[in-house]
Amino acid sequence: DGVDVVIGGVMEHIEPAGIHSGDSACALPPQRLSAEIL
């Protein structure tokens, strides 16, 4: 809203980077990423 930011969702792609995001399957919440990375 210009001041506050609320995350709707963090999605982890199943296929590796290089495949278009519209074609890759994804999971919410992420399954392989560390708490520090998230």
PDB file of all heavy atoms in Angstrom:
ATOM      1  N   ASP A   1       0.828  -1.211   0.000  1.00  0.00           N
ATOM      2  CA  ASP A   1       0.000   0.000   0.000  1.00  0.00           C
ATOM      3  C   ASP A   1       0.860   1.259   0.000  1.00  0.00           C
ATOM      4  O   ASP A   1       0.369   2.354   0.292  1.00  0.00           O
ATOM      5  CB  ASP A   1      -0.975  -0.005   1.189  1.00  0.00           C
ATOM      6  CG  ASP A   1      -0.258  -0.036   2.552  1.00  0.00           C
ATOM      7  OD1 ASP A   1       0.973   0.139   2.585  1.00  0.00           O
ATOM      8  OD2 ASP A   1      -0.939  -0.250   3.570  1.00  0.00           O
ATOM      9  N   GLY A   2       2.132   1.102  -0.324  1.00  0.00           N
ATOM     10  CA  GLY A   2       3.064   2.223  -0.313  1.00  0.00           C
ATOM     11  C   GLY A   2       3.873   2.292   0.957  1.00  0.00           C
ATOM     12  O   GLY A   2       4.951   2.905   0.983  1.00  0.00           O
ATOM     13  N   VAL A   3       3.368   1.655   2.032  1.00  0.00           N
ATOM     14  CA  VAL A   3       4.075   1.638   3.325  1.00  0.00           C
ATOM     15  C   VAL A   3       4.281   0.199   3.777  1.00  0.00           C
ATOM     16  O   VAL A   3       5.402  -0.257   3.968  1.00  0.00           O
ATOM     17  CB  VAL A   3       3.288   2.427   4.397  1.00  0.00           C
ATOM     18  CG1 VAL A   3       4.000   2.332   5.747  1.00  0.00           C
ATOM     19  CG2 VAL A   3       3.107   3.874   3.983  1.00  0.00           C
ATOM     20  N   ASP A   4       3.176  -0.497   3.947  1.00  0.00           N
ATOM     21  CA  ASP A   4       3.231  -1.883   4.405  1.00  0.00           C
ATOM     22  C   ASP A   4       3.231  -2.843   3.219  1.00  0.00           C
ATOM     23  O   ASP A   4       2.623  -2.566   2.176  1.00  0.00           O
ATOM     24  CB  ASP A   4       2.045  -2.199   5.313  1.00  0.00           C
ATOM     25  CG  ASP A   4       2.102  -1.440   6.631  1.00  0.00           C
ATOM     26  OD1 ASP A   4       3.214  -1.269   7.158  1.00  0.00           O
ATOM     27  OD2 ASP A   4       1.034  -1.012   7.122  1.00  0.00           O
ATOM     28  N   VAL A   5       3.909  -3.976   3.406  1.00  0.00           N
ATOM     29  CA  VAL A   5       3.965  -5.026   2.396  1.00  0.00           C
ATOM     30  C   VAL A   5       3.568  -6.347   3.057  1.00  0.00           C
ATOM     31  O   VAL A   5       4.118  -6.705   4.105  1.00  0.00           O
ATOM     32  CB  VAL A   5       5.377  -5.168   1.788  1.00  0.00           C
ATOM     33  CG1 VAL A   5       5.399  -6.275   0.727  1.00  0.00           C
ATOM     34  CG2 VAL A   5       5.846  -3.849   1.195  1.00  0.00           C
ATOM     35  N   VAL A   6       2.618  -7.047   2.460  1.00  0.00           N
ATOM     36  CA  VAL A   6       2.222  -8.367   2.946  1.00  0.00           C
ATOM     37  C   VAL A   6       2.427  -9.373   1.823  1.00  0.00           C
ATOM     38  O   VAL A   6       1.927  -9.175   0.713  1.00  0.00           O
ATOM     39  CB  VAL A   6       0.760  -8.390   3.436  1.00  0.00           C
ATOM     40  CG1 VAL A   6       0.333  -9.823   3.791  1.00  0.00           C
ATOM     41  CG2 VAL A   6       0.600  -7.486   4.650  1.00  0.00           C
ATOM     42  N   ILE A   7       3.175 -10.428   2.111  1.00  0.00           N
ATOM     43  CA  ILE A   7       3.422 -11.484   1.128  1.00  0.00           C
ATOM     44  C   ILE A   7       2.150 -12.301   0.944  1.00  0.00           C
ATOM     45  O   ILE A   7       1.535 -12.750   1.922  1.00  0.00           O
ATOM     46  CB  ILE A   7       4.566 -12.409   1.589  1.00  0.00           C
ATOM     47  CG1 ILE A   7       5.852 -11.620   1.825  1.00  0.00           C
ATOM     48  CG2 ILE A   7       4.784 -13.544   0.584  1.00  0.00           C
ATOM     49  CD1 ILE A   7       6.501 -11.073   0.589  1.00  0.00           C
ATOM     50  N   GLY A   8       1.761 -12.503  -0.315  1.00  0.00           N
ATOM     51  CA  GLY A   8       0.633 -13.395  -0.595  1.00  0.00           C
ATOM     52  C   GLY A   8       1.082 -14.837  -0.570  1.00  0.00           C
ATOM     53  O   GLY A   8       0.458 -15.691   0.074  1.00  0.00           O
ATOM     54  N   GLY A   9       2.170 -15.144  -1.267  1.00  0.00           N
ATOM     55  CA  GLY A   9       2.675 -16.501  -1.287  1.00  0.00           C
ATOM     56  C   GLY A   9       4.057 -16.570  -1.899  1.00  0.00           C
ATOM     57  O   GLY A   9       4.392 -15.794  -2.800  1.00  0.00           O
ATOM     58  N   VAL A  10       4.873 -17.501  -1.406  1.00  0.00           N
ATOM     59  CA  VAL A  10       6.187 -17.791  -1.964  1.00  0.00           C
ATOM     60  C   VAL A  10       6.103 -19.167  -2.614  1.00  0.00           C
ATOM     61  O   VAL A  10       5.854 -20.164  -1.931  1.00  0.00           O
ATOM     62  CB  VAL A  10       7.285 -17.780  -0.889  1.00  0.00           C
ATOM     63  CG1 VAL A  10       8.648 -18.095  -1.518  1.00  0.00           C
ATOM     64  CG2 VAL A  10       7.329 -16.442  -0.173  1.00  0.00           C
ATOM     65  N   MET A  11       6.300 -19.231  -3.925  1.00  0.00           N
ATOM     66  CA  MET A  11       6.151 -20.482  -4.685  1.00  0.00           C
ATOM     67  C   MET A  11       7.500 -20.954  -5.181  1.00  0.00           C
ATOM     68  O   MET A  11       8.250 -20.189  -5.788  1.00  0.00           O
ATOM     69  CB  MET A  11       5.212 -20.259  -5.880  1.00  0.00           C
ATOM     70  CG  MET A  11       3.772 -19.974  -5.496  1.00  0.00           C
ATOM     71  SD  MET A  11       2.945 -18.928  -6.730  1.00  0.00           S
ATOM     72  CE  MET A  11       3.511 -17.293  -6.210  1.00  0.00           C
ATOM     73  N   GLU A  12       7.793 -22.212  -4.950  1.00  0.00           N
ATOM     74  CA  GLU A  12       9.038 -22.819  -5.422  1.00  0.00           C
ATOM     75  C   GLU A  12       8.765 -23.640  -6.672  1.00  0.00           C
ATOM     76  O   GLU A  12       7.918 -24.542  -6.663  1.00  0.00           O
ATOM     77  CB  GLU A  12       9.622 -23.714  -4.331  1.00  0.00           C
ATOM     78  CG  GLU A  12      10.873 -24.451  -4.742  1.00  0.00           C
ATOM     79  CD  GLU A  12      11.272 -25.493  -3.715  1.00  0.00           C
ATOM     80  OE1 GLU A  12      11.458 -25.125  -2.535  1.00  0.00           O
ATOM     81  OE2 GLU A  12      11.381 -26.671  -4.076  1.00  0.00           O
ATOM     82  N   HIS A  13       9.469 -23.326  -7.760  1.00  0.00           N
ATOM     83  CA  HIS A  13       9.305 -24.093  -8.993  1.00  0.00           C
ATOM     84  C   HIS A  13       9.914 -25.479  -8.824  1.00  0.00           C
ATOM     85  O   HIS A  13      10.962 -25.635  -8.192  1.00  0.00           O
ATOM     86  CB  HIS A  13       9.988 -23.378 -10.164  1.00  0.00           C
ATOM     87  CG  HIS A  13       9.322 -22.103 -10.550  1.00  0.00           C
ATOM     88  ND1 HIS A  13       9.449 -21.543 -11.801  1.00  0.00           N
ATOM     89  CD2 HIS A  13       8.521 -21.264  -9.859  1.00  0.00           C
ATOM     90  CE1 HIS A  13       8.756 -20.416 -11.861  1.00  0.00           C
ATOM     91  NE2 HIS A  13       8.186 -20.224 -10.690  1.00  0.00           N
ATOM     92  N   ILE A  14       9.263 -26.468  -9.394  1.00  0.00           N
ATOM     93  CA  ILE A  14       9.779 -27.836  -9.342  1.00  0.00           C
ATOM     94  C   ILE A  14      10.870 -28.014 -10.391  1.00  0.00           C
ATOM     95  O   ILE A  14      11.947 -28.541 -10.114  1.00  0.00           O
ATOM     96  CB  ILE A  14       8.636 -28.844  -9.524  1.00  0.00           C
ATOM     97  CG1 ILE A  14       7.684 -28.742  -8.329  1.00  0.00           C
ATOM     98  CG2 ILE A  14       9.179 -30.278  -9.678  1.00  0.00           C
ATOM     99  CD1 ILE A  14       6.380 -29.479  -8.489  1.00  0.00           C
ATOM    100  N   GLU A  15      10.611 -27.565 -11.609  1.00  0.00           N
ATOM    101  CA  GLU A  15      11.646 -27.611 -12.648  1.00  0.00           C
ATOM    102  C   GLU A  15      12.688 -26.533 -12.382  1.00  0.00           C
ATOM    103  O   GLU A  15      12.386 -25.503 -11.773  1.00  0.00           O
ATOM    104  CB  GLU A  15      11.029 -27.409 -14.032  1.00  0.00           C
ATOM    105  CG  GLU A  15      10.220 -28.584 -14.539  1.00  0.00           C
ATOM    106  CD  GLU A  15       8.820 -28.653 -13.962  1.00  0.00           C
ATOM    107  OE1 GLU A  15       8.395 -27.669 -13.331  1.00  0.00           O
ATOM    108  OE2 GLU A  15       8.159 -29.689 -14.118  1.00  0.00           O
ATOM    109  N   PRO A  16      13.936 -26.731 -12.843  1.00  0.00           N
ATOM    110  CA  PRO A  16      14.988 -25.749 -12.577  1.00  0.00           C
ATOM    111  C   PRO A  16      14.776 -24.457 -13.355  1.00  0.00           C
ATOM    112  O   PRO A  16      14.004 -24.415 -14.327  1.00  0.00           O
ATOM    113  CB  PRO A  16      16.262 -26.472 -13.034  1.00  0.00           C
ATOM    114  CG  PRO A  16      15.795 -27.474 -14.046  1.00  0.00           C
ATOM    115  CD  PRO A  16      14.434 -27.909 -13.585  1.00  0.00           C
ATOM    116  N   ALA A  17      15.462 -23.403 -12.937  1.00  0.00           N
ATOM    117  CA  ALA A  17      15.417 -22.135 -13.652  1.00  0.00           C
ATOM    118  C   ALA A  17      15.826 -22.355 -15.106  1.00  0.00           C
ATOM    119  O   ALA A  17      16.700 -23.160 -15.410  1.00  0.00           O
ATOM    120  CB  ALA A  17      16.353 -21.127 -12.994  1.00  0.00           C
ATOM    121  N   GLY A  18      15.160 -21.618 -15.997  1.00  0.00           N
ATOM    122  CA  GLY A  18      15.397 -21.791 -17.433  1.00  0.00           C
ATOM    123  C   GLY A  18      14.143 -22.242 -18.148  1.00  0.00           C
ATOM    124  O   GLY A  18      14.021 -22.104 -19.366  1.00  0.00           O
ATOM    125  N   ILE A  19      13.194 -22.785 -17.387  1.00  0.00           N
ATOM    126  CA  ILE A  19      11.875 -23.117 -17.930  1.00  0.00           C
ATOM    127  C   ILE A  19      10.931 -21.991 -17.551  1.00  0.00           C
ATOM    128  O   ILE A  19      10.898 -21.548 -16.398  1.00  0.00           O
ATOM    129  CB  ILE A  19      11.382 -24.473 -17.383  1.00  0.00           C
ATOM    130  CG1 ILE A  19      12.274 -25.591 -17.933  1.00  0.00           C
ATOM    131  CG2 ILE A  19       9.926 -24.714 -17.738  1.00  0.00           C
ATOM    132  CD1 ILE A  19      11.976 -26.949 -17.374  1.00  0.00           C
ATOM    133  N   HIS A  20      10.145 -21.511 -18.505  1.00  0.00           N
ATOM    134  CA  HIS A  20       9.279 -20.356 -18.263  1.00  0.00           C
ATOM    135  C   HIS A  20       8.385 -20.609 -17.054  1.00  0.00           C
ATOM    136  O   HIS A  20       7.867 -21.712 -16.863  1.00  0.00           O
ATOM    137  CB  HIS A  20       8.427 -20.077 -19.506  1.00  0.00           C
ATOM    138  CG  HIS A  20       7.748 -18.742 -19.457  1.00  0.00           C
ATOM    139  ND1 HIS A  20       6.590 -18.523 -18.758  1.00  0.00           N
ATOM    140  CD2 HIS A  20       8.083 -17.542 -20.001  1.00  0.00           C
ATOM    141  CE1 HIS A  20       6.228 -17.267 -18.885  1.00  0.00           C
ATOM    142  NE2 HIS A  20       7.122 -16.646 -19.631  1.00  0.00           N
ATOM    143  N   SER A  21       8.189 -19.564 -16.237  1.00  0.00           N
ATOM    144  CA  SER A  21       7.407 -19.711 -15.011  1.00  0.00           C
ATOM    145  C   SER A  21       5.973 -20.149 -15.292  1.00  0.00           C
ATOM    146  O   SER A  21       5.342 -20.787 -14.446  1.00  0.00           O
ATOM    147  CB  SER A  21       7.406 -18.390 -14.222  1.00  0.00           C
ATOM    148  OG  SER A  21       6.840 -17.350 -14.999  1.00  0.00           O
ATOM    149  N   GLY A  22       5.454 -19.819 -16.470  1.00  0.00           N
ATOM    150  CA  GLY A  22       4.106 -20.252 -16.824  1.00  0.00           C
ATOM    151  C   GLY A  22       4.016 -21.723 -17.167  1.00  0.00           C
ATOM    152  O   GLY A  22       2.932 -22.300 -17.192  1.00  0.00           O
ATOM    153  N   ASP A  23       5.167 -22.362 -17.444  1.00  0.00           N
ATOM    154  CA  ASP A  23       5.194 -23.780 -17.806  1.00  0.00           C
ATOM    155  C   ASP A  23       5.649 -24.672 -16.663  1.00  0.00           C
ATOM    156  O   ASP A  23       5.381 -25.877 -16.662  1.00  0.00           O
ATOM    157  CB  ASP A  23       6.140 -24.007 -18.997  1.00  0.00           C
ATOM    158  CG  ASP A  23       5.585 -23.472 -20.306  1.00  0.00           C
ATOM    159  OD1 ASP A  23       4.409 -23.066 -20.331  1.00  0.00           O
ATOM    160  OD2 ASP A  23       6.339 -23.457 -21.306  1.00  0.00           O
ATOM    161  N   SER A  24       6.361 -24.119 -15.705  1.00  0.00           N
ATOM    162  CA  SER A  24       6.912 -24.918 -14.616  1.00  0.00           C
ATOM    163  C   SER A  24       5.841 -25.215 -13.579  1.00  0.00           C
ATOM    164  O   SER A  24       5.001 -24.366 -13.264  1.00  0.00           O
ATOM    165  CB  SER A  24       8.067 -24.169 -13.960  1.00  0.00           C
ATOM    166  OG  SER A  24       8.614 -24.918 -12.905  1.00  0.00           O
ATOM    167  N   ALA A  25       5.865 -26.441 -13.031  1.00  0.00           N
ATOM    168  CA  ALA A  25       5.039 -26.732 -11.862  1.00  0.00           C
ATOM    169  C   ALA A  25       5.642 -26.006 -10.665  1.00  0.00           C
ATOM    170  O   ALA A  25       6.837 -25.725 -10.624  1.00  0.00           O
ATOM    171  CB  ALA A  25       5.000 -28.237 -11.615  1.00  0.00           C
ATOM    172  N   CYS A  26       4.812 -25.680  -9.669  1.00  0.00           N
ATOM    173  CA  CYS A  26       5.344 -25.014  -8.481  1.00  0.00           C
ATOM    174  C   CYS A  26       4.587 -25.465  -7.244  1.00  0.00           C
ATOM    175  O   CYS A  26       3.455 -25.955  -7.329  1.00  0.00           O
ATOM    176  CB  CYS A  26       5.304 -23.493  -8.626  1.00  0.00           C
ATOM    177  SG  CYS A  26       3.662 -22.774  -8.554  1.00  0.00           S
ATOM    178  N   ALA A  27       5.232 -25.304  -6.094  1.00  0.00           N
ATOM    179  CA  ALA A  27       4.665 -25.717  -4.815  1.00  0.00           C
ATOM    180  C   ALA A  27       4.581 -24.528  -3.875  1.00  0.00           C
ATOM    181  O   ALA A  27       5.466 -23.677  -3.835  1.00  0.00           O
ATOM    182  CB  ALA A  27       5.521 -26.811  -4.183  1.00  0.00           C
ATOM    183  N   LEU A  28       3.498 -24.481  -3.124  1.00  0.00           N
ATOM    184  CA  LEU A  28       3.297 -23.475  -2.088  1.00  0.00           C
ATOM    185  C   LEU A  28       2.787 -24.200  -0.847  1.00  0.00           C
ATOM    186  O   LEU A  28       1.748 -24.843  -0.931  1.00  0.00           O
ATOM    187  CB  LEU A  28       2.292 -22.411  -2.544  1.00  0.00           C
ATOM    188  CG  LEU A  28       2.233 -21.063  -1.793  1.00  0.00           C
ATOM    189  CD1 LEU A  28       1.248 -20.125  -2.494  1.00  0.00           C
ATOM    190  CD2 LEU A  28       1.849 -21.189  -0.332  1.00  0.00           C
ATOM    191  N   PRO A  29       3.497 -24.142   0.294  1.00  0.00           N
ATOM    192  CA  PRO A  29       4.755 -23.428   0.539  1.00  0.00           C
ATOM    193  C   PRO A  29       5.954 -24.156  -0.081  1.00  0.00           C
ATOM    194  O   PRO A  29       5.833 -25.330  -0.460  1.00  0.00           O
ATOM    195  CB  PRO A  29       4.853 -23.421   2.069  1.00  0.00           C
ATOM    196  CG  PRO A  29       4.106 -24.637   2.500  1.00  0.00           C
ATOM    197  CD  PRO A  29       2.981 -24.793   1.533  1.00  0.00           C
ATOM    198  N   PRO A  30       7.124 -23.492  -0.160  1.00  0.00           N
ATOM    199  CA  PRO A  30       8.328 -24.116  -0.721  1.00  0.00           C
ATOM    200  C   PRO A  30       8.739 -25.359   0.067  1.00  0.00           C
ATOM    201  O   PRO A  30       8.485 -25.457   1.270  1.00  0.00           O
ATOM    202  CB  PRO A  30       9.385 -23.018  -0.608  1.00  0.00           C
ATOM    203  CG  PRO A  30       8.601 -21.747  -0.527  1.00  0.00           C
ATOM    204  CD  PRO A  30       7.354 -22.087   0.221  1.00  0.00           C
ATOM    205  N   GLN A  31       9.407 -26.287  -0.639  1.00  0.00           N
ATOM    206  CA  GLN A  31       9.753 -27.573  -0.027  1.00  0.00           C
ATOM    207  C   GLN A  31      11.252 -27.780   0.176  1.00  0.00           C
ATOM    208  O   GLN A  31      11.655 -28.574   1.016  1.00  0.00           O
ATOM    209  CB  GLN A  31       9.214 -28.713  -0.910  1.00  0.00           C
ATOM    210  CG  GLN A  31       7.715 -28.670  -1.124  1.00  0.00           C
ATOM    211  CD  GLN A  31       6.940 -28.871   0.156  1.00  0.00           C
ATOM    212  OE1 GLN A  31       7.057 -29.906   0.806  1.00  0.00           O
ATOM    213  NE2 GLN A  31       6.165 -27.872   0.554  1.00  0.00           N
ATOM    214  N   ARG A  32      12.103 -27.099  -0.589  1.00  0.00           N
ATOM    215  CA  ARG A  32      13.537 -27.394  -0.556  1.00  0.00           C
ATOM    216  C   ARG A  32      14.394 -26.242  -0.048  1.00  0.00           C
ATOM    217  O   ARG A  32      15.600 -26.408   0.121  1.00  0.00           O
ATOM    218  CB  ARG A  32      14.025 -27.775  -1.965  1.00  0.00           C
ATOM    219  CG  ARG A  32      13.413 -29.036  -2.540  1.00  0.00           C
ATOM    220  CD  ARG A  32      13.838 -29.238  -3.992  1.00  0.00           C
ATOM    221  NE  ARG A  32      13.221 -28.251  -4.866  1.00  0.00           N
ATOM    222  CZ  ARG A  32      13.534 -28.076  -6.144  1.00  0.00           C
ATOM    223  NH1 ARG A  32      14.488 -28.811  -6.696  1.00  0.00           N
ATOM    224  NH2 ARG A  32      12.904 -27.159  -6.876  1.00  0.00           N
ATOM    225  N   LEU A  33      13.810 -25.099   0.194  1.00  0.00           N
ATOM    226  CA  LEU A  33      14.592 -23.908   0.525  1.00  0.00           C
ATOM    227  C   LEU A  33      14.704 -23.715   2.030  1.00  0.00           C
ATOM    228  O   LEU A  33      13.758 -23.966   2.778  1.00  0.00           O
ATOM    229  CB  LEU A  33      13.947 -22.675  -0.109  1.00  0.00           C
ATOM    230  CG  LEU A  33      13.879 -22.703  -1.643  1.00  0.00           C
ATOM    231  CD1 LEU A  33      12.993 -21.582  -2.153  1.00  0.00           C
ATOM    232  CD2 LEU A  33      15.285 -22.579  -2.225  1.00  0.00           C
ATOM    233  N   SER A  34      15.863 -23.252   2.482  1.00  0.00           N
ATOM    234  CA  SER A  34      16.104 -23.045   3.907  1.00  0.00           C
ATOM    235  C   SER A  34      15.334 -21.837   4.419  1.00  0.00           C
ATOM    236  O   SER A  34      14.930 -20.952   3.655  1.00  0.00           O
ATOM    237  CB  SER A  34      17.599 -22.838   4.163  1.00  0.00           C
ATOM    238  OG  SER A  34      18.028 -21.594   3.609  1.00  0.00           O
ATOM    239  N   ALA A  35      15.151 -21.795   5.750  1.00  0.00           N
ATOM    240  CA  ALA A  35      14.472 -20.657   6.372  1.00  0.00           C
ATOM    241  C   ALA A  35      15.241 -19.366   6.115  1.00  0.00           C
ATOM    242  O   ALA A  35      14.637 -18.291   5.939  1.00  0.00           O
ATOM    243  CB  ALA A  35      14.328 -20.912   7.872  1.00  0.00           C
ATOM    244  N   GLU A  36      16.582 -19.452   6.066  1.00  0.00           N
ATOM    245  CA  GLU A  36      17.402 -18.258   5.841  1.00  0.00           C
ATOM    246  C   GLU A  36      17.193 -17.705   4.428  1.00  0.00           C
ATOM    247  O   GLU A  36      17.063 -16.482   4.243  1.00  0.00           O
ATOM    248  CB  GLU A  36      18.887 -18.589   6.050  1.00  0.00           C
ATOM    249  CG  GLU A  36      19.273 -18.906   7.477  1.00  0.00           C
ATOM    250  CD  GLU A  36      18.871 -20.315   7.917  1.00  0.00           C
ATOM    251  OE1 GLU A  36      18.532 -21.149   7.035  1.00  0.00           O
ATOM    252  OE2 GLU A  36      18.869 -20.583   9.124  1.00  0.00           O
ATOM    253  N   ILE A  37      17.132 -18.593   3.433  1.00  0.00           N
ATOM    254  CA  ILE A  37      16.904 -18.149   2.054  1.00  0.00           C
ATOM    255  C   ILE A  37      15.515 -17.537   1.926  1.00  0.00           C
ATOM    256  O   ILE A  37      15.332 -16.473   1.303  1.00  0.00           O
ATOM    257  CB  ILE A  37      17.076 -19.322   1.072  1.00  0.00           C
ATOM    258  CG1 ILE A  37      18.543 -19.741   0.966  1.00  0.00           C
ATOM    259  CG2 ILE A  37      16.524 -18.950  -0.309  1.00  0.00           C
ATOM    260  CD1 ILE A  37      19.454 -18.715   0.335  1.00  0.00           C
ATOM    261  N   LEU A  38      14.515 -18.171   2.525  1.00  0.00           N
ATOM    262  CA  LEU A  38      13.148 -17.650   2.431  1.00  0.00           C
ATOM    263  C   LEU A  38      13.024 -16.290   3.114  1.00  0.00           C
ATOM    264  O   LEU A  38      12.321 -15.402   2.627  1.00  0.00           O
ATOM    265  CB  LEU A  38      12.167 -18.651   3.042  1.00  0.00           C
ATOM    266  CG  LEU A  38      11.988 -19.946   2.245  1.00  0.00           C
ATOM    267  CD1 LEU A  38      11.137 -20.939   3.023  1.00  0.00           C
ATOM    268  CD2 LEU A  38      11.356 -19.658   0.889  1.00  0.00           C
TER     269      LEU A  38
END
